[in-house]
Amino acid sequence: EESLQHGVSLFAYPYGSYDTFDDATIDALKAEGFGAAFTTIAGTNRPGTEVFRLRRTRISWVDQLPEFQITMAGALDWYAGYQWITSRGR
């Protein structure tokens, strides 16, 4: 905020997969006045998605409109399950 000379209301979790933040982290962000936070968990956000657990899906510069459309429709949502399973082994 000091460098930007502007308030920051959104947060992106460093390495934001399942095992890198928890309810205590979310509580700390809320206490600091953040309004939402982004994970690196793949998938689409649906109505009712908790705003401190927002998902992100990579869109590549090589993706064409059809790939973008199916990705935004949820085609990669399955990958969040894989991320959850693999985060449990760390």
Protein backbone atom coordinates (compact mmCIF):
# COMPACT_ATOMS: atom_id res chain seq x y z
CA GLU A 1 0.00 0.00 0.00
CA GLU A 2 2.86 2.34 0.77
CA SER A 3 4.49 1.68 -2.61
CA LEU A 4 1.18 1.92 -4.45
CA GLN A 5 0.03 4.90 -2.42
CA HIS A 6 -3.38 3.31 -2.56
CA GLY A 7 -5.32 0.98 -0.30
CA VAL A 8 -5.37 -2.74 -1.07
CA SER A 9 -8.62 -4.61 -0.43
CA LEU A 10 -7.92 -7.97 -2.12
CA PHE A 11 -5.38 -10.64 -1.20
CA ALA A 12 -3.77 -13.46 -3.20
CA TYR A 13 -2.47 -16.32 -1.07
CA PRO A 14 1.18 -17.11 -1.83
CA TYR A 15 1.16 -20.71 -3.10
CA GLY A 16 -2.59 -20.58 -2.41
CA SER A 17 -3.45 -24.26 -2.53
CA TYR A 18 -5.49 -26.12 0.08
CA ASP A 19 -2.67 -26.62 2.56
CA THR A 20 -1.36 -23.04 2.50
CA PHE A 21 -4.17 -21.21 4.30
CA ASP A 22 -6.86 -22.04 6.83
CA ASP A 23 -9.69 -20.45 8.82
CA ALA A 24 -7.19 -18.63 11.04
CA THR A 25 -5.58 -17.11 7.95
CA ILE A 26 -8.98 -15.97 6.71
CA ASP A 27 -9.82 -14.49 10.11
CA ALA A 28 -6.53 -12.55 10.05
CA LEU A 29 -7.27 -11.18 6.58
CA LYS A 30 -10.74 -10.10 7.66
CA ALA A 31 -9.29 -8.42 10.74
CA GLU A 32 -6.88 -6.51 8.49
CA GLY A 33 -9.78 -5.26 6.39
CA PHE A 34 -9.39 -7.35 3.25
CA GLY A 35 -12.62 -7.93 1.36
CA ALA A 36 -11.72 -11.14 -0.49
CA ALA A 37 -8.83 -13.49 -1.24
CA PHE A 38 -7.76 -15.58 -4.20
CA THR A 39 -6.41 -19.12 -4.02
CA THR A 40 -4.56 -21.06 -6.70
CA ILE A 41 -7.21 -23.77 -6.53
CA ALA A 42 -8.45 -24.42 -10.05
CA GLY A 43 -12.03 -24.02 -11.04
CA THR A 44 -14.89 -21.66 -11.48
CA ASN A 45 -16.56 -19.62 -8.79
CA ARG A 46 -20.27 -20.19 -8.44
CA PRO A 47 -22.86 -18.11 -6.61
CA GLY A 48 -22.25 -18.62 -2.92
CA THR A 49 -18.50 -19.23 -3.24
CA GLU A 50 -16.86 -17.98 -0.05
CA VAL A 51 -15.06 -14.74 -1.02
CA PHE A 52 -11.92 -15.66 0.95
CA ARG A 53 -11.62 -18.94 -1.02
CA LEU A 54 -12.00 -17.67 -4.58
CA ARG A 55 -10.61 -20.03 -7.20
CA ARG A 56 -8.47 -19.11 -10.16
CA THR A 57 -8.17 -20.87 -13.46
CA ARG A 58 -5.26 -20.28 -15.77
CA ILE A 59 -6.13 -18.94 -19.18
CA SER A 60 -3.22 -19.15 -21.57
CA TRP A 61 -2.35 -16.81 -24.40
CA VAL A 62 -2.71 -19.79 -26.75
CA ASP A 63 -6.27 -20.55 -25.64
CA GLN A 64 -8.84 -19.80 -28.28
CA LEU A 65 -12.44 -18.80 -27.61
CA PRO A 66 -13.73 -22.42 -27.48
CA GLU A 67 -11.17 -23.37 -24.81
CA PHE A 68 -11.95 -20.25 -22.85
CA GLN A 69 -15.68 -20.94 -23.00
CA ILE A 70 -15.46 -24.54 -21.79
CA THR A 71 -12.98 -23.58 -19.06
CA MET A 72 -15.32 -20.87 -17.79
CA ALA A 73 -18.19 -23.38 -17.93
CA GLY A 74 -16.29 -25.58 -15.46
CA ALA A 75 -14.36 -28.05 -17.61
CA LEU A 76 -11.35 -27.88 -15.29
CA ASP A 77 -13.23 -27.94 -11.99
CA TRP A 78 -12.22 -31.60 -11.54
CA TYR A 79 -8.62 -30.46 -11.06
CA ALA A 80 -9.48 -28.93 -7.68
CA GLY A 81 -10.11 -32.48 -6.41
CA TYR A 82 -6.68 -33.55 -7.59
CA GLN A 83 -5.14 -30.52 -5.88
CA TRP A 84 -6.92 -31.42 -2.64
CA ILE A 85 -5.75 -35.04 -2.74
CA THR A 86 -2.15 -34.16 -3.48
CA SER A 87 -2.03 -31.43 -0.81
CA ARG A 88 -2.83 -34.04 1.88
CA GLY A 89 0.47 -35.83 1.34
CA ARG A 90 2.68 -32.88 2.28
